[in-house]
N, C-alpha and C. Protein backbone atom coordinates (compact mmCIF):
# COMPACT_ATOMS: atom_id res chain seq x y z
N MET A 1 0.87 -1.18 0.00
CA MET A 1 0.00 0.00 0.00
C MET A 1 0.91 1.23 0.00
N ASN A 2 0.65 2.17 -0.89
CA ASN A 2 1.51 3.34 -0.93
C ASN A 2 1.16 4.33 0.18
N ARG A 3 2.05 5.26 0.39
CA ARG A 3 1.94 6.18 1.53
C ARG A 3 0.69 7.05 1.46
N GLN A 4 0.39 7.58 0.28
CA GLN A 4 -0.78 8.46 0.14
C GLN A 4 -2.08 7.73 0.47
N LYS A 5 -2.19 6.51 -0.03
CA LYS A 5 -3.41 5.74 0.21
C LYS A 5 -3.56 5.44 1.70
N LYS A 6 -2.45 5.12 2.36
CA LYS A 6 -2.50 4.82 3.78
C LYS A 6 -2.91 6.06 4.59
N LEU A 7 -2.39 7.22 4.23
CA LEU A 7 -2.76 8.46 4.92
C LEU A 7 -4.24 8.78 4.70
N GLN A 8 -4.71 8.64 3.48
CA GLN A 8 -6.12 8.90 3.20
C GLN A 8 -7.03 7.96 3.99
N GLN A 9 -6.60 6.71 4.12
CA GLN A 9 -7.38 5.73 4.87
C GLN A 9 -7.45 6.13 6.35
N LEU A 10 -6.33 6.60 6.90
CA LEU A 10 -6.31 7.05 8.29
C LEU A 10 -7.20 8.26 8.50
N PHE A 11 -7.16 9.22 7.59
CA PHE A 11 -7.99 10.42 7.71
C PHE A 11 -9.47 10.07 7.64
N LYS A 12 -9.82 9.17 6.74
CA LYS A 12 -11.22 8.76 6.61
C LYS A 12 -11.70 8.07 7.89
N ALA A 13 -10.85 7.23 8.46
CA ALA A 13 -11.23 6.51 9.68
C ALA A 13 -11.44 7.48 10.83
N LYS A 14 -10.55 8.47 10.96
CA LYS A 14 -10.69 9.46 12.04
C LYS A 14 -11.94 10.30 11.84
N ALA A 15 -12.23 10.68 10.61
CA ALA A 15 -13.42 11.48 10.32
C ALA A 15 -14.69 10.68 10.61
N LYS A 16 -14.67 9.41 10.29
CA LYS A 16 -15.83 8.56 10.53
C LYS A 16 -16.10 8.43 12.03
N LYS A 17 -15.04 8.26 12.83
CA LYS A 17 -15.20 8.16 14.28
C LYS A 17 -15.72 9.47 14.86
N ALA A 18 -15.21 10.59 14.37
CA ALA A 18 -15.64 11.90 14.87
C ALA A 18 -17.11 12.14 14.56
N SER A 19 -17.54 11.80 13.35
CA SER A 19 -18.94 12.02 12.99
C SER A 19 -19.86 11.08 13.76
N ALA A 20 -19.37 9.89 14.08
CA ALA A 20 -20.17 8.95 14.86
C ALA A 20 -20.39 9.47 16.28
N LYS A 21 -19.40 10.14 16.84
CA LYS A 21 -19.54 10.70 18.18
C LYS A 21 -20.56 11.84 18.19
N LEU A 22 -20.60 12.61 17.12
CA LEU A 22 -21.50 13.76 17.05
C LEU A 22 -22.94 13.35 16.75
N ALA A 23 -23.11 12.20 16.11
CA ALA A 23 -24.45 11.76 15.73
C ALA A 23 -25.26 11.41 16.97
N PRO A 24 -26.54 11.76 16.99
CA PRO A 24 -27.37 11.44 18.15
C PRO A 24 -27.60 9.93 18.26
N GLN A 25 -27.60 9.45 19.48
CA GLN A 25 -27.82 8.03 19.71
C GLN A 25 -29.32 7.78 19.87
N LYS A 26 -29.89 7.00 18.98
CA LYS A 26 -31.32 6.73 19.00
C LYS A 26 -31.64 5.41 19.69
N LYS A 27 -30.62 4.64 19.98
CA LYS A 27 -30.84 3.31 20.53
C LYS A 27 -31.25 3.40 22.00
N ASP A 28 -32.33 2.71 22.35
CA ASP A 28 -32.78 2.69 23.73
C ASP A 28 -31.95 1.69 24.53
N LYS A 29 -32.01 1.84 25.83
CA LYS A 29 -31.30 0.93 26.70
C LYS A 29 -31.92 -0.47 26.59
N TYR A 30 -31.09 -1.50 26.62
CA TYR A 30 -31.56 -2.87 26.49
C TYR A 30 -32.31 -3.29 27.74
N ILE A 31 -33.47 -3.89 27.55
CA ILE A 31 -34.26 -4.42 28.66
C ILE A 31 -34.44 -5.91 28.40
N SER A 32 -34.03 -6.72 29.37
CA SER A 32 -34.09 -8.16 29.19
C SER A 32 -35.54 -8.63 29.13
N LYS A 33 -35.70 -9.84 28.62
CA LYS A 33 -37.03 -10.40 28.45
C LYS A 33 -37.73 -10.55 29.80
N ALA A 34 -36.99 -10.97 30.82
CA ALA A 34 -37.58 -11.15 32.15
C ALA A 34 -38.05 -9.81 32.71
N ASP A 35 -37.24 -8.76 32.52
CA ASP A 35 -37.63 -7.43 33.00
C ASP A 35 -38.86 -6.91 32.27
N ARG A 36 -38.95 -7.19 30.97
CA ARG A 36 -40.13 -6.76 30.22
C ARG A 36 -41.38 -7.46 30.73
N LEU A 37 -41.26 -8.75 31.05
CA LEU A 37 -42.40 -9.48 31.59
C LEU A 37 -42.83 -8.91 32.94
N LYS A 38 -41.85 -8.57 33.78
CA LYS A 38 -42.16 -7.98 35.08
C LYS A 38 -42.91 -6.67 34.90
N LEU A 39 -42.45 -5.85 33.97
CA LEU A 39 -43.10 -4.56 33.73
C LEU A 39 -44.54 -4.73 33.26
N THR A 40 -44.75 -5.70 32.36
CA THR A 40 -46.12 -5.90 31.87
C THR A 40 -47.02 -6.41 32.98
N VAL A 41 -46.50 -7.29 33.82
CA VAL A 41 -47.30 -7.81 34.94
C VAL A 41 -47.65 -6.68 35.90
N GLU A 42 -46.67 -5.82 36.20
CA GLU A 42 -46.92 -4.70 37.11
C GLU A 42 -47.97 -3.75 36.54
N THR A 43 -47.87 -3.44 35.27
CA THR A 43 -48.83 -2.51 34.67
C THR A 43 -50.22 -3.13 34.62
N ASP A 44 -50.28 -4.44 34.37
CA ASP A 44 -51.58 -5.12 34.37
C ASP A 44 -52.21 -5.07 35.76
N GLN A 45 -51.41 -5.30 36.77
CA GLN A 45 -51.94 -5.26 38.15
C GLN A 45 -52.40 -3.86 38.49
N ASP A 46 -51.64 -2.85 38.09
CA ASP A 46 -52.02 -1.47 38.37
C ASP A 46 -53.35 -1.12 37.68
N SER A 47 -53.50 -1.54 36.44
CA SER A 47 -54.72 -1.21 35.71
C SER A 47 -55.93 -1.95 36.30
N VAL A 48 -55.72 -3.17 36.77
CA VAL A 48 -56.81 -3.93 37.38
C VAL A 48 -57.21 -3.27 38.69
N SER A 49 -56.24 -2.88 39.52
CA SER A 49 -56.58 -2.27 40.80
C SER A 49 -57.20 -0.89 40.60
N ALA A 50 -56.83 -0.19 39.57
CA ALA A 50 -57.40 1.13 39.30
C ALA A 50 -58.86 0.99 38.82
N SER A 51 -59.14 -0.04 38.05
CA SER A 51 -60.50 -0.22 37.54
C SER A 51 -61.45 -0.71 38.64
N GLU A 52 -60.91 -1.40 39.65
CA GLU A 52 -61.74 -1.88 40.75
C GLU A 52 -62.16 -0.74 41.68
N SER A 53 -61.32 0.26 41.81
CA SER A 53 -61.59 1.36 42.74
C SER A 53 -62.73 2.25 42.30
């Protein structure tokens, strides 16, 4: 690999990393399957107790 190509590759890699840091993160925090089940059970219980009152 010649010197110019190697330098261009390094510059592109650095620019890509910099733009990735600036980009907004849209990914939500991971919630395990067990935690999701717990949340649904809790919300179901809350809605049942609210409708009984």
